Amino acid sequence: MNELGIPVLIVLAALLLVVMFLGAMGVRRIQLRRTLGTFDASISTSPGKWVTAIARYGAGELEFLKLFSVSPLPVQRFRRSSIRLNGWRRPADAEMHQVQPGSVIVMMSYESREILVAMDYQTYNGLSAWLEAGPVAGVGTWRQD
């Protein structure tokens, strides 16, 4: 090979790796979105920092998986019985470009931490119903107030 061929091969290999990574992210997103109980969201656990995620809820947990990742592991996990919804609001001007268009900001508390989650209003209604329909553990409500 001449001296020009090796750098071209390196660039092509790097491009192939980037395309493969993007393809894996796309396949992961499609697989996650096919699952019942998943929705697009953004989560903020610290002021001013938003992470775009795919959220999913199951029998006992609400999980958030990073959107731009190939990892199957959630970055945040919240037990259903410890989540409290504190209402919703429209995004502030500073938040408008950090969350999806048409989202509402849902204010939640989890084990004395305040968490903001951006999602569309219909998804908020579904999340609220999921939380209220939790299983009864013993006599009375299932929540530990």
N, C-alpha and C. Protein backbone atom coordinates (compact mmCIF):
# COMPACT_ATOMS: atom_id res chain seq x y z
N MET A 1 0.84 -1.20 0.00
CA MET A 1 0.00 0.00 0.00
C MET A 1 0.87 1.24 0.00
N ASN A 2 0.40 2.24 -0.66
CA ASN A 2 1.15 3.48 -0.65
C ASN A 2 0.86 4.26 0.62
N GLU A 3 1.56 5.36 0.79
CA GLU A 3 1.43 6.13 2.02
C GLU A 3 0.08 6.84 2.16
N LEU A 4 -0.66 7.00 1.10
CA LEU A 4 -1.99 7.62 1.18
C LEU A 4 -3.07 6.60 1.58
N GLY A 5 -2.85 5.33 1.30
CA GLY A 5 -3.85 4.30 1.55
C GLY A 5 -4.12 4.03 3.01
N ILE A 6 -3.10 4.06 3.86
CA ILE A 6 -3.28 3.75 5.29
C ILE A 6 -4.14 4.80 5.98
N PRO A 7 -3.88 6.12 5.82
CA PRO A 7 -4.77 7.10 6.46
C PRO A 7 -6.22 7.01 5.97
N VAL A 8 -6.40 6.70 4.69
CA VAL A 8 -7.75 6.57 4.15
C VAL A 8 -8.45 5.38 4.80
N LEU A 9 -7.75 4.27 4.97
CA LEU A 9 -8.33 3.10 5.64
C LEU A 9 -8.70 3.40 7.09
N ILE A 10 -7.87 4.16 7.77
CA ILE A 10 -8.15 4.53 9.16
C ILE A 10 -9.41 5.39 9.23
N VAL A 11 -9.52 6.37 8.34
CA VAL A 11 -10.70 7.23 8.32
C VAL A 11 -11.96 6.42 7.99
N LEU A 12 -11.86 5.51 7.02
CA LEU A 12 -13.00 4.67 6.66
C LEU A 12 -13.40 3.76 7.81
N ALA A 13 -12.44 3.21 8.53
CA ALA A 13 -12.74 2.35 9.69
C ALA A 13 -13.44 3.17 10.79
N ALA A 14 -12.96 4.39 11.02
CA ALA A 14 -13.59 5.25 12.03
C ALA A 14 -15.02 5.60 11.62
N LEU A 15 -15.22 5.91 10.33
CA LEU A 15 -16.57 6.19 9.83
C LEU A 15 -17.48 4.98 9.97
N LEU A 16 -16.97 3.81 9.69
CA LEU A 16 -17.75 2.58 9.84
C LEU A 16 -18.16 2.36 11.30
N LEU A 17 -17.25 2.62 12.22
CA LEU A 17 -17.58 2.49 13.65
C LEU A 17 -18.67 3.48 14.07
N VAL A 18 -18.59 4.70 13.58
CA VAL A 18 -19.61 5.72 13.90
C VAL A 18 -20.97 5.29 13.36
N VAL A 19 -20.99 4.81 12.11
CA VAL A 19 -22.26 4.36 11.51
C VAL A 19 -22.82 3.17 12.27
N MET A 20 -21.97 2.24 12.67
CA MET A 20 -22.43 1.08 13.44
C MET A 20 -22.99 1.50 14.79
N PHE A 21 -22.34 2.45 15.46
CA PHE A 21 -22.82 2.95 16.75
C PHE A 21 -24.18 3.63 16.60
N LEU A 22 -24.32 4.47 15.58
CA LEU A 22 -25.61 5.14 15.34
C LEU A 22 -26.69 4.12 15.00
N GLY A 23 -26.35 3.11 14.23
CA GLY A 23 -27.31 2.05 13.92
C GLY A 23 -27.74 1.29 15.17
N ALA A 24 -26.79 0.99 16.04
CA ALA A 24 -27.12 0.29 17.30
C ALA A 24 -28.03 1.15 18.17
N MET A 25 -27.78 2.47 18.21
CA MET A 25 -28.66 3.36 18.98
C MET A 25 -30.06 3.37 18.40
N GLY A 26 -30.17 3.38 17.08
CA GLY A 26 -31.48 3.37 16.43
C GLY A 26 -32.25 2.10 16.70
N VAL A 27 -31.57 0.96 16.60
CA VAL A 27 -32.22 -0.32 16.87
C VAL A 27 -32.67 -0.38 18.32
N ARG A 28 -31.83 0.08 19.25
CA ARG A 28 -32.19 0.09 20.68
C ARG A 28 -33.42 0.95 20.92
N ARG A 29 -33.46 2.12 20.32
CA ARG A 29 -34.62 3.01 20.50
C ARG A 29 -35.89 2.37 19.96
N ILE A 30 -35.81 1.75 18.79
CA ILE A 30 -36.99 1.10 18.22
C ILE A 30 -37.46 -0.03 19.13
N GLN A 31 -36.54 -0.83 19.63
CA GLN A 31 -36.90 -1.94 20.53
C GLN A 31 -37.53 -1.41 21.82
N LEU A 32 -36.97 -0.36 22.38
CA LEU A 32 -37.52 0.19 23.62
C LEU A 32 -38.91 0.78 23.40
N ARG A 33 -39.11 1.47 22.28
CA ARG A 33 -40.39 2.12 22.02
C ARG A 33 -41.49 1.10 21.73
N ARG A 34 -41.14 -0.11 21.32
CA ARG A 34 -42.13 -1.15 21.07
C ARG A 34 -42.71 -1.70 22.37
N THR A 35 -41.98 -1.56 23.45
CA THR A 35 -42.40 -2.11 24.73
C THR A 35 -43.54 -1.28 25.30
N LEU A 36 -44.53 -1.96 25.83
CA LEU A 36 -45.66 -1.29 26.47
C LEU A 36 -45.18 -0.54 27.71
N GLY A 37 -45.66 0.67 27.89
CA GLY A 37 -45.29 1.46 29.07
C GLY A 37 -44.06 2.31 28.89
N THR A 38 -43.64 2.57 27.65
CA THR A 38 -42.48 3.44 27.42
C THR A 38 -42.94 4.76 26.82
N PHE A 39 -42.20 5.81 27.09
CA PHE A 39 -42.52 7.12 26.54
C PHE A 39 -41.26 7.97 26.50
N ASP A 40 -41.26 8.97 25.61
CA ASP A 40 -40.15 9.92 25.51
C ASP A 40 -40.28 10.93 26.63
N ALA A 41 -39.15 11.26 27.23
CA ALA A 41 -39.15 12.21 28.34
C ALA A 41 -37.77 12.85 28.46
N SER A 42 -37.71 13.89 29.26
CA SER A 42 -36.44 14.48 29.69
C SER A 42 -36.50 14.54 31.20
N ILE A 43 -35.38 14.31 31.86
CA ILE A 43 -35.36 14.30 33.32
C ILE A 43 -34.30 15.27 33.81
N SER A 44 -34.64 15.97 34.88
CA SER A 44 -33.70 16.90 35.52
C SER A 44 -33.66 16.58 37.01
N THR A 45 -32.51 16.11 37.46
CA THR A 45 -32.34 15.85 38.89
C THR A 45 -31.50 16.94 39.55
N SER A 46 -30.91 17.80 38.75
CA SER A 46 -30.19 18.96 39.27
C SER A 46 -30.61 20.18 38.46
N PRO A 47 -30.66 21.36 39.08
CA PRO A 47 -31.17 22.55 38.40
C PRO A 47 -30.44 22.88 37.10
N GLY A 48 -31.22 23.07 36.03
CA GLY A 48 -30.68 23.49 34.75
C GLY A 48 -30.09 22.39 33.89
N LYS A 49 -30.00 21.16 34.39
CA LYS A 49 -29.42 20.06 33.62
C LYS A 49 -30.51 19.07 33.24
N TRP A 50 -30.75 18.91 31.95
CA TRP A 50 -31.77 18.00 31.44
C TRP A 50 -31.11 16.89 30.64
N VAL A 51 -31.60 15.67 30.80
CA VAL A 51 -31.13 14.51 30.05
C VAL A 51 -32.31 13.95 29.26
N THR A 52 -32.16 13.85 27.94
CA THR A 52 -33.21 13.27 27.11
C THR A 52 -33.18 11.76 27.30
N ALA A 53 -34.36 11.20 27.54
CA ALA A 53 -34.43 9.78 27.90
C ALA A 53 -35.65 9.11 27.32
N ILE A 54 -35.64 7.81 27.40
CA ILE A 54 -36.82 6.99 27.18
C ILE A 54 -37.19 6.45 28.55
N ALA A 55 -38.40 6.72 28.97
CA ALA A 55 -38.84 6.26 30.28
C ALA A 55 -39.74 5.04 30.09
N ARG A 56 -39.72 4.16 31.08
CA ARG A 56 -40.62 3.02 31.04
C ARG A 56 -41.07 2.70 32.45
N TYR A 57 -42.32 2.33 32.54
CA TYR A 57 -42.80 1.91 33.84
C TYR A 57 -43.32 0.49 33.75
N GLY A 58 -43.05 -0.23 34.82
CA GLY A 58 -43.46 -1.63 34.91
C GLY A 58 -44.25 -1.82 36.18
N ALA A 59 -44.15 -3.00 36.76
CA ALA A 59 -44.94 -3.33 37.94
C ALA A 59 -44.57 -2.48 39.16
N GLY A 60 -43.29 -2.23 39.36
CA GLY A 60 -42.92 -1.56 40.59
C GLY A 60 -41.94 -0.43 40.45
N GLU A 61 -41.51 -0.08 39.22
CA GLU A 61 -40.50 0.96 39.06
C GLU A 61 -40.74 1.81 37.83
N LEU A 62 -40.26 3.04 37.92
CA LEU A 62 -40.21 3.95 36.79
C LEU A 62 -38.73 4.11 36.46
N GLU A 63 -38.34 3.76 35.23
CA GLU A 63 -36.94 3.78 34.83
C GLU A 63 -36.72 4.77 33.70
N PHE A 64 -35.54 5.39 33.71
CA PHE A 64 -35.15 6.32 32.65
C PHE A 64 -33.86 5.82 32.02
N LEU A 65 -33.90 5.60 30.71
CA LEU A 65 -32.73 5.17 29.95
C LEU A 65 -32.31 6.32 29.04
N LYS A 66 -31.02 6.62 28.98
CA LYS A 66 -30.54 7.69 28.12
C LYS A 66 -30.92 7.41 26.68
N LEU A 67 -31.36 8.44 25.98
CA LEU A 67 -31.75 8.29 24.59
C LEU A 67 -30.55 8.01 23.70
N PHE A 68 -29.46 8.75 23.88
CA PHE A 68 -28.28 8.60 23.04
C PHE A 68 -27.27 7.69 23.71
N SER A 69 -27.61 6.41 23.74
CA SER A 69 -26.77 5.40 24.36
C SER A 69 -27.12 4.05 23.77
N VAL A 70 -26.25 3.08 23.94
CA VAL A 70 -26.56 1.72 23.55
C VAL A 70 -26.72 0.83 24.77
N SER A 71 -26.57 1.40 25.94
CA SER A 71 -26.66 0.63 27.18
C SER A 71 -28.11 0.24 27.48
N PRO A 72 -28.35 -1.01 27.88
CA PRO A 72 -29.71 -1.42 28.25
C PRO A 72 -30.04 -1.09 29.70
N LEU A 73 -29.10 -0.52 30.43
CA LEU A 73 -29.30 -0.22 31.85
C LEU A 73 -29.84 1.19 32.06
N PRO A 74 -30.83 1.36 32.94
CA PRO A 74 -31.37 2.70 33.20
C PRO A 74 -30.38 3.57 33.98
N VAL A 75 -30.42 4.88 33.70
CA VAL A 75 -29.57 5.82 34.44
C VAL A 75 -30.26 6.28 35.72
N GLN A 76 -31.58 6.22 35.75
CA GLN A 76 -32.36 6.56 36.94
C GLN A 76 -33.43 5.50 37.12
N ARG A 77 -33.70 5.15 38.38
CA ARG A 77 -34.72 4.16 38.69
C ARG A 77 -35.44 4.62 39.97
N PHE A 78 -36.78 4.67 39.89
CA PHE A 78 -37.57 5.13 41.02
C PHE A 78 -38.61 4.08 41.38
N ARG A 79 -38.69 3.72 42.67
CA ARG A 79 -39.72 2.78 43.13
C ARG A 79 -41.07 3.45 43.07
N ARG A 80 -42.04 2.74 42.56
CA ARG A 80 -43.40 3.26 42.37
C ARG A 80 -44.00 3.77 43.68
N SER A 81 -43.80 3.04 44.75
CA SER A 81 -44.43 3.40 46.02
C SER A 81 -43.84 4.66 46.66
N SER A 82 -42.68 5.12 46.18
CA SER A 82 -42.05 6.30 46.78
C SER A 82 -42.18 7.56 45.93
N ILE A 83 -42.81 7.46 44.78
CA ILE A 83 -42.96 8.62 43.89
C ILE A 83 -44.20 9.41 44.31
N ARG A 84 -44.06 10.72 44.38
CA ARG A 84 -45.18 11.62 44.65
C ARG A 84 -45.24 12.65 43.52
N LEU A 85 -46.40 12.77 42.89
CA LEU A 85 -46.59 13.80 41.87
C LEU A 85 -47.04 15.07 42.55
N ASN A 86 -46.39 16.18 42.22
CA ASN A 86 -46.70 17.47 42.82
C ASN A 86 -47.28 18.44 41.81
N GLY A 87 -47.82 17.92 40.70
CA GLY A 87 -48.44 18.76 39.69
C GLY A 87 -47.55 18.94 38.48
N TRP A 88 -47.99 19.84 37.60
CA TRP A 88 -47.25 20.11 36.38
C TRP A 88 -47.32 21.58 36.06
N ARG A 89 -46.44 22.02 35.16
CA ARG A 89 -46.41 23.42 34.72
C ARG A 89 -45.87 23.46 33.30
N ARG A 90 -46.03 24.59 32.67
CA ARG A 90 -45.45 24.81 31.35
C ARG A 90 -43.95 25.06 31.50
N PRO A 91 -43.14 24.71 30.51
CA PRO A 91 -41.70 24.98 30.60
C PRO A 91 -41.41 26.48 30.65
N ALA A 92 -40.44 26.85 31.47
CA ALA A 92 -39.98 28.24 31.54
C ALA A 92 -39.20 28.54 30.26
N ASP A 93 -38.96 29.81 30.00
CA ASP A 93 -38.23 30.21 28.79
C ASP A 93 -36.87 29.53 28.69
N ALA A 94 -36.16 29.42 29.82
CA ALA A 94 -34.84 28.80 29.81
C ALA A 94 -34.91 27.30 29.53
N GLU A 95 -36.05 26.68 29.80
CA GLU A 95 -36.21 25.24 29.61
C GLU A 95 -36.74 24.87 28.22
N MET A 96 -37.29 25.82 27.51
CA MET A 96 -37.95 25.54 26.23
C MET A 96 -37.05 24.80 25.24
N HIS A 97 -35.76 25.10 25.21
CA HIS A 97 -34.86 24.49 24.23
C HIS A 97 -34.18 23.23 24.78
N GLN A 98 -34.46 22.89 26.04
CA GLN A 98 -33.84 21.71 26.64
C GLN A 98 -34.78 20.52 26.71
N VAL A 99 -36.06 20.74 26.45
CA VAL A 99 -37.05 19.67 26.51
C VAL A 99 -37.75 19.55 25.15
N GLN A 100 -38.48 18.45 24.96
CA GLN A 100 -39.17 18.23 23.69
C GLN A 100 -40.27 19.27 23.51
N PRO A 101 -40.56 19.67 22.27
CA PRO A 101 -41.65 20.60 22.01
C PRO A 101 -42.99 20.02 22.46
N GLY A 102 -43.84 20.85 23.03
CA GLY A 102 -45.16 20.42 23.47
C GLY A 102 -45.17 19.72 24.82
N SER A 103 -44.05 19.74 25.52
CA SER A 103 -43.97 19.05 26.81
C SER A 103 -44.49 19.91 27.94
N VAL A 104 -44.90 19.24 29.00
CA VAL A 104 -45.18 19.89 30.28
C VAL A 104 -44.12 19.40 31.25
N ILE A 105 -43.83 20.21 32.25
CA ILE A 105 -42.85 19.84 33.26
C ILE A 105 -43.61 19.27 34.45
N VAL A 106 -43.36 18.01 34.75
CA VAL A 106 -44.01 17.33 35.86
C VAL A 106 -43.09 17.41 37.07
N MET A 107 -43.63 17.90 38.18
CA MET A 107 -42.86 18.03 39.41
C MET A 107 -43.14 16.81 40.28
N MET A 108 -42.08 16.05 40.55
CA MET A 108 -42.19 14.84 41.36
C MET A 108 -41.26 14.95 42.56
N SER A 109 -41.59 14.23 43.60
CA SER A 109 -40.65 14.07 44.71
C SER A 109 -40.44 12.57 44.90
N TYR A 110 -39.21 12.23 45.21
CA TYR A 110 -38.84 10.83 45.42
C TYR A 110 -37.85 10.77 46.57
N GLU A 111 -38.28 10.17 47.66
CA GLU A 111 -37.44 10.05 48.85
C GLU A 111 -36.79 11.39 49.21
N SER A 112 -37.60 12.41 49.35
CA SER A 112 -37.23 13.78 49.73
C SER A 112 -36.37 14.50 48.69
N ARG A 113 -36.26 13.98 47.46
CA ARG A 113 -35.57 14.68 46.37
C ARG A 113 -36.62 15.22 45.42
N GLU A 114 -36.39 16.42 44.92
CA GLU A 114 -37.27 17.00 43.92
C GLU A 114 -36.73 16.66 42.53
N ILE A 115 -37.61 16.16 41.68
CA ILE A 115 -37.23 15.74 40.34
C ILE A 115 -38.21 16.36 39.35
N LEU A 116 -37.68 16.87 38.25
CA LEU A 116 -38.51 17.41 37.18
C LEU A 116 -38.43 16.47 35.99
N VAL A 117 -39.58 16.18 35.40
CA VAL A 117 -39.64 15.32 34.23
C VAL A 117 -40.48 16.03 33.18
N ALA A 118 -39.95 16.14 31.97
CA ALA A 118 -40.69 16.75 30.86
C ALA A 118 -41.28 15.64 30.01
N MET A 119 -42.57 15.74 29.74
CA MET A 119 -43.28 14.76 28.92
C MET A 119 -44.51 15.44 28.36
N ASP A 120 -45.18 14.82 27.38
CA ASP A 120 -46.40 15.44 26.89
C ASP A 120 -47.53 15.21 27.90
N TYR A 121 -48.58 16.01 27.77
CA TYR A 121 -49.64 15.99 28.78
C TYR A 121 -50.37 14.66 28.83
N GLN A 122 -50.60 14.01 27.71
CA GLN A 122 -51.27 12.71 27.71
C GLN A 122 -50.43 11.67 28.45
N THR A 123 -49.13 11.72 28.28
CA THR A 123 -48.25 10.81 29.00
C THR A 123 -48.31 11.08 30.49
N TYR A 124 -48.40 12.35 30.88
CA TYR A 124 -48.55 12.71 32.29
C TYR A 124 -49.81 12.07 32.87
N ASN A 125 -50.90 12.13 32.12
CA ASN A 125 -52.15 11.50 32.60
C ASN A 125 -51.97 10.00 32.79
N GLY A 126 -51.28 9.34 31.86
CA GLY A 126 -51.02 7.91 31.99
C GLY A 126 -50.14 7.59 33.18
N LEU A 127 -49.10 8.41 33.41
CA LEU A 127 -48.22 8.21 34.56
C LEU A 127 -48.98 8.40 35.87
N SER A 128 -49.81 9.41 35.90
CA SER A 128 -50.62 9.67 37.10
C SER A 128 -51.55 8.50 37.39
N ALA A 129 -52.19 7.96 36.36
CA ALA A 129 -53.08 6.81 36.54
C ALA A 129 -52.29 5.59 37.00
N TRP A 130 -51.09 5.39 36.44
CA TRP A 130 -50.25 4.26 36.84
C TRP A 130 -49.88 4.34 38.31
N LEU A 131 -49.54 5.55 38.77
CA LEU A 131 -49.19 5.72 40.18
C LEU A 131 -50.39 5.50 41.10
N GLU A 132 -51.55 6.01 40.71
CA GLU A 132 -52.74 5.88 41.55
C GLU A 132 -53.27 4.45 41.58
N ALA A 133 -52.99 3.67 40.56
CA ALA A 133 -53.51 2.31 40.47
C ALA A 133 -52.57 1.29 41.07
N GLY A 134 -51.66 1.72 41.93
CA GLY A 134 -50.70 0.81 42.53
C GLY A 134 -51.37 -0.24 43.39
N PRO A 135 -50.69 -1.36 43.58
CA PRO A 135 -51.28 -2.45 44.35
C PRO A 135 -51.41 -2.10 45.83
N VAL A 136 -52.39 -2.70 46.46
CA VAL A 136 -52.61 -2.50 47.89
C VAL A 136 -51.69 -3.47 48.64
N ALA A 137 -50.96 -2.94 49.61
CA ALA A 137 -50.08 -3.77 50.44
C ALA A 137 -50.61 -3.74 51.86
N GLY A 138 -51.44 -4.66 52.19
CA GLY A 138 -52.01 -4.69 53.54
C GLY A 138 -53.29 -3.87 53.58
N VAL A 139 -53.63 -3.40 54.75
CA VAL A 139 -54.86 -2.65 54.95
C VAL A 139 -54.60 -1.19 54.61
N GLY A 140 -55.54 -0.58 53.88
CA GLY A 140 -55.40 0.84 53.53
C GLY A 140 -54.59 1.02 52.27
N THR A 141 -53.95 2.15 52.17
CA THR A 141 -53.21 2.49 50.96
C THR A 141 -51.87 1.78 50.89
N TRP A 142 -51.34 1.61 49.70
CA TRP A 142 -50.07 0.92 49.50
C TRP A 142 -48.88 1.83 49.70
N ARG A 143 -49.13 3.11 49.76
CA ARG A 143 -48.02 4.05 49.95
C ARG A 143 -47.61 4.12 51.42
N GLN A 144 -46.34 4.37 51.64
CA GLN A 144 -45.84 4.55 53.01
C GLN A 144 -45.74 6.04 53.29
N ASP A 145 -46.79 6.64 53.79
CA ASP A 145 -46.80 8.09 54.10
C ASP A 145 -46.21 8.37 55.45
